[in-house]
Amino acid sequence: MARQKAISVKIPTQRVIDALQKSLDKLELDYTSQEANEARYQELRKAWEKKVQEFAIAHISKAENFRTNYRSWNNSLNIDFDLTVTEKEMPVEPEKDFDSLSVYNYREQKEEISNAIRILKMTDEEVVSTSTYQAVSRYL
């Protein structure tokens, strides 16, 4: 296994502070907009489920392995069946294009980024050491 050599980089402190501030702004925007993003995703998901239902009903003649379950206590009938389809036939399932942050993760990341910004603003050094940069690089 090859040994990795240490990287020695001198990055201006102000550039790191600016990058951390942008990261903090993006974190706050992502957190405040995640409710709207989730609502939009759920709407897309419901529309996709409706398309899948329409597809299944249209192709029910190809269905195999029917299973039924009648519940007399609430007068409901559950019908389950299998359809063999190609990927091209199926409606495209929507994907989340955002990350969901829990309150705990949001607060922890916000506090760590804010602390790093405050500490870097107090320094008189014009460049950030590699070890300091490594400590904050996961937020950039």
N, C-alpha and C. Protein backbone atom coordinates (compact mmCIF):
# COMPACT_ATOMS: atom_id res chain seq x y z
N MET A 1 0.84 -1.17 0.00
CA MET A 1 0.00 0.00 0.00
C MET A 1 0.89 1.24 0.00
N ALA A 2 0.62 2.16 -0.89
CA ALA A 2 1.43 3.35 -1.02
C ALA A 2 1.15 4.32 0.12
N ARG A 3 2.20 4.95 0.58
CA ARG A 3 2.07 5.92 1.66
C ARG A 3 1.70 7.26 1.05
N GLN A 4 0.70 7.91 1.64
CA GLN A 4 0.29 9.21 1.14
C GLN A 4 1.16 10.29 1.75
N LYS A 5 1.54 11.24 0.91
CA LYS A 5 2.31 12.37 1.39
C LYS A 5 1.35 13.44 1.88
N ALA A 6 1.77 14.15 2.90
CA ALA A 6 0.95 15.23 3.44
C ALA A 6 0.89 16.38 2.44
N ILE A 7 -0.25 17.02 2.38
CA ILE A 7 -0.45 18.16 1.49
C ILE A 7 -0.28 19.42 2.32
N SER A 8 0.56 20.30 1.85
CA SER A 8 0.77 21.57 2.54
C SER A 8 0.24 22.68 1.65
N VAL A 9 -0.85 23.30 2.11
CA VAL A 9 -1.51 24.33 1.33
C VAL A 9 -1.68 25.57 2.20
N LYS A 10 -1.49 26.72 1.61
CA LYS A 10 -1.72 27.98 2.33
C LYS A 10 -2.91 28.67 1.68
N ILE A 11 -3.99 28.74 2.45
CA ILE A 11 -5.23 29.33 1.95
C ILE A 11 -5.48 30.62 2.74
N PRO A 12 -5.81 31.70 2.06
CA PRO A 12 -6.09 32.95 2.78
C PRO A 12 -7.25 32.77 3.77
N THR A 13 -7.08 33.29 4.96
CA THR A 13 -8.08 33.14 6.02
C THR A 13 -9.41 33.73 5.59
N GLN A 14 -9.39 34.88 4.94
CA GLN A 14 -10.65 35.51 4.53
C GLN A 14 -11.41 34.65 3.53
N ARG A 15 -10.69 33.97 2.66
CA ARG A 15 -11.34 33.10 1.68
C ARG A 15 -12.05 31.93 2.38
N VAL A 16 -11.42 31.39 3.42
CA VAL A 16 -12.03 30.30 4.18
C VAL A 16 -13.26 30.81 4.93
N ILE A 17 -13.14 32.00 5.53
CA ILE A 17 -14.28 32.59 6.25
C ILE A 17 -15.45 32.81 5.28
N ASP A 18 -15.16 33.36 4.10
CA ASP A 18 -16.22 33.59 3.11
C ASP A 18 -16.88 32.27 2.68
N ALA A 19 -16.06 31.24 2.47
CA ALA A 19 -16.61 29.94 2.07
C ALA A 19 -17.46 29.34 3.19
N LEU A 20 -17.02 29.47 4.43
CA LEU A 20 -17.80 28.98 5.56
C LEU A 20 -19.10 29.75 5.70
N GLN A 21 -19.07 31.06 5.46
CA GLN A 21 -20.28 31.87 5.54
C GLN A 21 -21.28 31.45 4.47
N LYS A 22 -20.79 31.18 3.26
CA LYS A 22 -21.67 30.70 2.19
C LYS A 22 -22.26 29.34 2.56
N SER A 23 -21.45 28.49 3.16
CA SER A 23 -21.92 27.19 3.59
C SER A 23 -22.99 27.32 4.67
N LEU A 24 -22.79 28.24 5.60
CA LEU A 24 -23.77 28.49 6.66
C LEU A 24 -25.08 29.04 6.07
N ASP A 25 -24.97 29.96 5.12
CA ASP A 25 -26.17 30.50 4.47
C ASP A 25 -26.94 29.40 3.73
N LYS A 26 -26.20 28.51 3.04
CA LYS A 26 -26.84 27.41 2.31
C LYS A 26 -27.50 26.45 3.29
N LEU A 27 -26.85 26.17 4.40
CA LEU A 27 -27.43 25.28 5.42
C LEU A 27 -28.74 25.85 5.94
N GLU A 28 -28.76 27.15 6.24
CA GLU A 28 -29.97 27.78 6.75
C GLU A 28 -31.07 27.79 5.69
N LEU A 29 -30.72 28.06 4.44
CA LEU A 29 -31.71 28.05 3.36
C LEU A 29 -32.28 26.65 3.17
N ASP A 30 -31.40 25.64 3.16
CA ASP A 30 -31.86 24.27 3.01
C ASP A 30 -32.80 23.87 4.13
N TYR A 31 -32.47 24.26 5.35
CA TYR A 31 -33.29 23.88 6.50
C TYR A 31 -34.65 24.59 6.46
N THR A 32 -34.65 25.87 6.13
CA THR A 32 -35.91 26.61 6.13
C THR A 32 -36.80 26.23 4.94
N SER A 33 -36.21 25.76 3.86
CA SER A 33 -37.01 25.41 2.68
C SER A 33 -37.33 23.92 2.59
N GLN A 34 -36.87 23.13 3.57
CA GLN A 34 -37.10 21.69 3.44
C GLN A 34 -38.58 21.32 3.60
N GLU A 35 -39.34 22.09 4.33
CA GLU A 35 -40.77 21.80 4.47
C GLU A 35 -41.48 21.99 3.13
N ALA A 36 -41.17 23.07 2.43
CA ALA A 36 -41.76 23.30 1.11
C ALA A 36 -41.28 22.25 0.12
N ASN A 37 -39.99 21.91 0.18
CA ASN A 37 -39.45 20.87 -0.70
C ASN A 37 -40.13 19.53 -0.46
N GLU A 38 -40.35 19.20 0.81
CA GLU A 38 -41.00 17.93 1.16
C GLU A 38 -42.44 17.92 0.66
N ALA A 39 -43.15 19.03 0.80
CA ALA A 39 -44.53 19.12 0.32
C ALA A 39 -44.58 18.94 -1.20
N ARG A 40 -43.65 19.58 -1.91
CA ARG A 40 -43.59 19.44 -3.37
C ARG A 40 -43.28 18.00 -3.76
N TYR A 41 -42.35 17.37 -3.02
CA TYR A 41 -42.01 15.97 -3.30
C TYR A 41 -43.22 15.05 -3.06
N GLN A 42 -43.97 15.30 -1.98
CA GLN A 42 -45.14 14.47 -1.68
C GLN A 42 -46.21 14.61 -2.77
N GLU A 43 -46.36 15.81 -3.32
CA GLU A 43 -47.29 16.01 -4.43
C GLU A 43 -46.86 15.21 -5.65
N LEU A 44 -45.56 15.27 -5.97
CA LEU A 44 -45.04 14.49 -7.09
C LEU A 44 -45.21 13.00 -6.85
N ARG A 45 -45.00 12.58 -5.61
CA ARG A 45 -45.13 11.18 -5.24
C ARG A 45 -46.58 10.70 -5.39
N LYS A 46 -47.54 11.52 -4.97
CA LYS A 46 -48.96 11.15 -5.12
C LYS A 46 -49.34 11.05 -6.59
N ALA A 47 -48.84 11.97 -7.41
CA ALA A 47 -49.12 11.93 -8.85
C ALA A 47 -48.52 10.66 -9.46
N TRP A 48 -47.32 10.29 -9.02
CA TRP A 48 -46.68 9.07 -9.51
C TRP A 48 -47.48 7.84 -9.09
N GLU A 49 -47.93 7.80 -7.84
CA GLU A 49 -48.73 6.66 -7.37
C GLU A 49 -50.01 6.52 -8.20
N LYS A 50 -50.62 7.65 -8.54
CA LYS A 50 -51.82 7.61 -9.37
C LYS A 50 -51.50 7.03 -10.75
N LYS A 51 -50.37 7.44 -11.34
CA LYS A 51 -49.95 6.90 -12.63
C LYS A 51 -49.70 5.40 -12.54
N VAL A 52 -49.10 4.95 -11.43
CA VAL A 52 -48.84 3.52 -11.25
C VAL A 52 -50.16 2.76 -11.14
N GLN A 53 -51.10 3.33 -10.42
CA GLN A 53 -52.42 2.69 -10.29
C GLN A 53 -53.09 2.58 -11.66
N GLU A 54 -53.05 3.67 -12.43
CA GLU A 54 -53.65 3.65 -13.76
C GLU A 54 -52.96 2.63 -14.65
N PHE A 55 -51.64 2.55 -14.55
CA PHE A 55 -50.87 1.58 -15.32
C PHE A 55 -51.26 0.16 -14.93
N ALA A 56 -51.38 -0.10 -13.63
CA ALA A 56 -51.71 -1.45 -13.15
C ALA A 56 -53.12 -1.85 -13.60
N ILE A 57 -54.06 -0.92 -13.53
CA ILE A 57 -55.43 -1.22 -13.94
C ILE A 57 -55.48 -1.48 -15.44
N ALA A 58 -54.74 -0.71 -16.22
CA ALA A 58 -54.72 -0.89 -17.67
C ALA A 58 -54.10 -2.23 -18.07
N HIS A 59 -53.20 -2.76 -17.24
CA HIS A 59 -52.51 -4.00 -17.57
C HIS A 59 -52.92 -5.16 -16.66
N ILE A 60 -54.09 -5.09 -16.08
CA ILE A 60 -54.52 -6.12 -15.13
C ILE A 60 -54.69 -7.48 -15.82
N SER A 61 -54.91 -7.47 -17.10
CA SER A 61 -55.06 -8.74 -17.82
C SER A 61 -53.76 -9.54 -17.81
N LYS A 62 -52.62 -8.88 -17.62
CA LYS A 62 -51.32 -9.56 -17.56
C LYS A 62 -50.96 -9.98 -16.14
N ALA A 63 -51.82 -9.66 -15.17
CA ALA A 63 -51.52 -9.90 -13.75
C ALA A 63 -51.44 -11.39 -13.44
N GLU A 64 -50.59 -11.72 -12.48
CA GLU A 64 -50.40 -13.09 -12.01
C GLU A 64 -50.43 -13.08 -10.49
N ASN A 65 -50.64 -14.26 -9.95
CA ASN A 65 -50.52 -14.46 -8.51
C ASN A 65 -51.45 -13.54 -7.72
N PHE A 66 -52.75 -13.62 -8.03
CA PHE A 66 -53.74 -12.82 -7.31
C PHE A 66 -53.87 -13.30 -5.86
N ARG A 67 -53.94 -12.34 -4.96
CA ARG A 67 -54.16 -12.63 -3.54
C ARG A 67 -55.25 -11.69 -3.06
N THR A 68 -56.22 -12.22 -2.36
CA THR A 68 -57.30 -11.39 -1.84
C THR A 68 -57.40 -11.58 -0.34
N ASN A 69 -57.86 -10.53 0.30
CA ASN A 69 -58.05 -10.57 1.75
C ASN A 69 -59.27 -9.71 2.07
N TYR A 70 -60.32 -10.35 2.56
CA TYR A 70 -61.54 -9.64 2.91
C TYR A 70 -61.59 -9.46 4.42
N ARG A 71 -61.84 -8.23 4.85
CA ARG A 71 -61.97 -7.94 6.29
C ARG A 71 -63.43 -7.58 6.55
N SER A 72 -64.14 -8.50 7.17
CA SER A 72 -65.57 -8.29 7.39
C SER A 72 -65.85 -7.24 8.45
N TRP A 73 -64.93 -7.04 9.36
CA TRP A 73 -65.18 -6.09 10.45
C TRP A 73 -65.26 -4.65 9.95
N ASN A 74 -64.60 -4.35 8.82
CA ASN A 74 -64.74 -2.99 8.26
C ASN A 74 -65.13 -3.02 6.78
N ASN A 75 -65.57 -4.20 6.33
CA ASN A 75 -66.06 -4.38 4.95
C ASN A 75 -65.06 -3.89 3.91
N SER A 76 -63.82 -4.30 4.04
CA SER A 76 -62.81 -3.90 3.06
C SER A 76 -62.21 -5.14 2.39
N LEU A 77 -61.90 -4.99 1.14
CA LEU A 77 -61.31 -6.06 0.35
C LEU A 77 -59.96 -5.58 -0.16
N ASN A 78 -58.93 -6.34 0.11
CA ASN A 78 -57.59 -6.03 -0.35
C ASN A 78 -57.23 -7.01 -1.45
N ILE A 79 -56.85 -6.49 -2.61
CA ILE A 79 -56.46 -7.34 -3.74
C ILE A 79 -55.01 -7.01 -4.06
N ASP A 80 -54.21 -8.05 -4.13
CA ASP A 80 -52.78 -7.91 -4.39
C ASP A 80 -52.45 -8.80 -5.57
N PHE A 81 -51.64 -8.30 -6.50
CA PHE A 81 -51.24 -9.12 -7.64
C PHE A 81 -49.88 -8.67 -8.14
N ASP A 82 -49.29 -9.49 -8.98
CA ASP A 82 -47.96 -9.21 -9.53
C ASP A 82 -48.07 -8.93 -11.02
N LEU A 83 -47.31 -7.93 -11.46
CA LEU A 83 -47.20 -7.61 -12.88
C LEU A 83 -45.73 -7.66 -13.25
N THR A 84 -45.43 -8.34 -14.34
CA THR A 84 -44.07 -8.34 -14.86
C THR A 84 -44.01 -7.26 -15.93
N VAL A 85 -43.17 -6.26 -15.68
CA VAL A 85 -43.08 -5.12 -16.60
C VAL A 85 -41.61 -4.79 -16.83
N THR A 86 -41.39 -4.05 -17.90
CA THR A 86 -40.04 -3.55 -18.13
C THR A 86 -39.92 -2.17 -17.50
N GLU A 87 -38.71 -1.76 -17.32
CA GLU A 87 -38.46 -0.45 -16.70
C GLU A 87 -39.00 0.69 -17.56
N LYS A 88 -39.00 0.49 -18.87
CA LYS A 88 -39.49 1.53 -19.78
C LYS A 88 -41.00 1.71 -19.67
N GLU A 89 -41.72 0.64 -19.31
CA GLU A 89 -43.18 0.72 -19.21
C GLU A 89 -43.63 1.47 -17.97
N MET A 90 -42.87 1.37 -16.90
CA MET A 90 -43.27 1.96 -15.62
C MET A 90 -43.11 3.47 -15.63
N PRO A 91 -44.04 4.18 -14.99
CA PRO A 91 -43.86 5.63 -14.82
C PRO A 91 -42.61 5.89 -13.97
N VAL A 92 -41.92 6.97 -14.25
CA VAL A 92 -40.67 7.28 -13.55
C VAL A 92 -40.99 7.80 -12.15
N GLU A 93 -40.40 7.13 -11.16
CA GLU A 93 -40.61 7.52 -9.77
C GLU A 93 -39.83 8.79 -9.45
N PRO A 94 -40.47 9.75 -8.78
CA PRO A 94 -39.75 10.99 -8.44
C PRO A 94 -38.69 10.72 -7.38
N GLU A 95 -37.60 11.47 -7.46
CA GLU A 95 -36.52 11.35 -6.48
C GLU A 95 -36.41 12.65 -5.71
N LYS A 96 -35.99 12.53 -4.46
CA LYS A 96 -35.76 13.73 -3.66
C LYS A 96 -34.50 14.41 -4.17
N ASP A 97 -34.60 15.70 -4.44
CA ASP A 97 -33.44 16.46 -4.89
C ASP A 97 -32.94 17.38 -3.78
N PHE A 98 -33.24 16.97 -2.54
CA PHE A 98 -32.82 17.75 -1.38
C PHE A 98 -32.52 16.79 -0.24
N ASP A 99 -31.74 17.26 0.72
CA ASP A 99 -31.43 16.48 1.90
C ASP A 99 -32.31 16.95 3.05
N SER A 100 -32.82 15.99 3.80
CA SER A 100 -33.62 16.33 4.98
C SER A 100 -32.70 16.40 6.19
N LEU A 101 -32.79 17.49 6.90
CA LEU A 101 -31.98 17.69 8.10
C LEU A 101 -32.87 17.64 9.33
N SER A 102 -32.45 16.87 10.32
CA SER A 102 -33.17 16.89 11.58
C SER A 102 -32.78 18.17 12.32
N VAL A 103 -33.58 18.55 13.28
CA VAL A 103 -33.30 19.76 14.07
C VAL A 103 -31.94 19.62 14.75
N TYR A 104 -31.66 18.43 15.25
CA TYR A 104 -30.40 18.20 15.95
C TYR A 104 -29.20 18.40 15.01
N ASN A 105 -29.26 17.78 13.84
CA ASN A 105 -28.15 17.91 12.88
C ASN A 105 -27.99 19.36 12.43
N TYR A 106 -29.10 20.02 12.18
CA TYR A 106 -29.04 21.42 11.75
C TYR A 106 -28.37 22.29 12.81
N ARG A 107 -28.81 22.16 14.04
CA ARG A 107 -28.24 22.97 15.12
C ARG A 107 -26.76 22.66 15.34
N GLU A 108 -26.41 21.38 15.27
CA GLU A 108 -25.01 21.00 15.48
C GLU A 108 -24.12 21.57 14.38
N GLN A 109 -24.53 21.43 13.12
CA GLN A 109 -23.73 21.95 12.01
C GLN A 109 -23.67 23.47 12.05
N LYS A 110 -24.78 24.11 12.36
CA LYS A 110 -24.81 25.57 12.42
C LYS A 110 -23.86 26.07 13.51
N GLU A 111 -23.89 25.41 14.66
CA GLU A 111 -23.02 25.83 15.75
C GLU A 111 -21.55 25.64 15.41
N GLU A 112 -21.21 24.50 14.81
CA GLU A 112 -19.82 24.24 14.45
C GLU A 112 -19.31 25.22 13.39
N ILE A 113 -20.11 25.50 12.39
CA ILE A 113 -19.70 26.45 11.35
C ILE A 113 -19.58 27.85 11.93
N SER A 114 -20.54 28.25 12.75
CA SER A 114 -20.50 29.57 13.37
C SER A 114 -19.27 29.72 14.27
N ASN A 115 -18.97 28.69 15.04
CA ASN A 115 -17.77 28.73 15.90
C ASN A 115 -16.50 28.85 15.07
N ALA A 116 -16.42 28.11 13.98
CA ALA A 116 -15.24 28.17 13.13
C ALA A 116 -15.09 29.58 12.54
N ILE A 117 -16.19 30.18 12.12
CA ILE A 117 -16.14 31.54 11.57
C ILE A 117 -15.66 32.52 12.63
N ARG A 118 -16.23 32.43 13.83
CA ARG A 118 -15.83 33.35 14.91
C ARG A 118 -14.34 33.21 15.24
N ILE A 119 -13.87 31.98 15.32
CA ILE A 119 -12.45 31.76 15.65
C ILE A 119 -11.56 32.30 14.55
N LEU A 120 -11.92 32.03 13.29
CA LEU A 120 -11.09 32.51 12.18
C LEU A 120 -11.10 34.03 12.08
N LYS A 121 -12.20 34.67 12.47
CA LYS A 121 -12.24 36.13 12.44
C LYS A 121 -11.35 36.75 13.51
N MET A 122 -11.05 36.00 14.57
CA MET A 122 -10.22 36.53 15.65
C MET A 122 -8.72 36.40 15.38
N THR A 123 -8.36 35.61 14.39
CA THR A 123 -6.95 35.38 14.14
C THR A 123 -6.30 36.53 13.38
N ASP A 124 -5.01 36.70 13.63
CA ASP A 124 -4.24 37.69 12.90
C ASP A 124 -3.51 37.07 11.72
N GLU A 125 -3.55 35.75 11.64
CA GLU A 125 -2.86 35.03 10.57
C GLU A 125 -3.55 35.31 9.23
N GLU A 126 -2.75 35.50 8.22
CA GLU A 126 -3.29 35.77 6.90
C GLU A 126 -3.66 34.51 6.15
N VAL A 127 -3.05 33.39 6.54
CA VAL A 127 -3.35 32.11 5.89
C VAL A 127 -3.78 31.09 6.93
N VAL A 128 -4.53 30.11 6.49
CA VAL A 128 -5.02 29.05 7.36
C VAL A 128 -4.11 27.85 7.19
N SER A 129 -3.77 27.23 8.30
CA SER A 129 -2.92 26.04 8.23
C SER A 129 -3.70 24.86 7.66
N THR A 130 -2.98 23.87 7.19
CA THR A 130 -3.62 22.70 6.59
C THR A 130 -4.48 21.97 7.62
N SER A 131 -4.03 21.86 8.85
CA SER A 131 -4.81 21.15 9.87
C SER A 131 -6.11 21.89 10.18
N THR A 132 -6.06 23.21 10.20
CA THR A 132 -7.29 23.99 10.42
C THR A 132 -8.23 23.81 9.24
N TYR A 133 -7.68 23.85 8.05
CA TYR A 133 -8.49 23.69 6.86
C TYR A 133 -9.15 22.31 6.84
N GLN A 134 -8.39 21.27 7.23
CA GLN A 134 -8.97 19.93 7.29
C GLN A 134 -10.12 19.86 8.29
N ALA A 135 -10.02 20.59 9.38
CA ALA A 135 -11.05 20.57 10.41
C ALA A 135 -12.36 21.19 9.91
N VAL A 136 -12.28 22.18 9.03
CA VAL A 136 -13.48 22.86 8.55
C VAL A 136 -13.89 22.45 7.14
N SER A 137 -13.06 21.68 6.48
CA SER A 137 -13.32 21.36 5.06
C SER A 137 -14.60 20.57 4.84
N ARG A 138 -15.08 19.83 5.83
CA ARG A 138 -16.29 19.05 5.62
C ARG A 138 -17.52 19.95 5.49
N TYR A 139 -17.41 21.21 5.88
CA TYR A 139 -18.53 22.14 5.76
C TYR A 139 -18.47 22.97 4.49
N LEU A 140 -17.38 22.86 3.76
CA LEU A 140 -17.24 23.68 2.55
C LEU A 140 -17.81 22.98 1.33
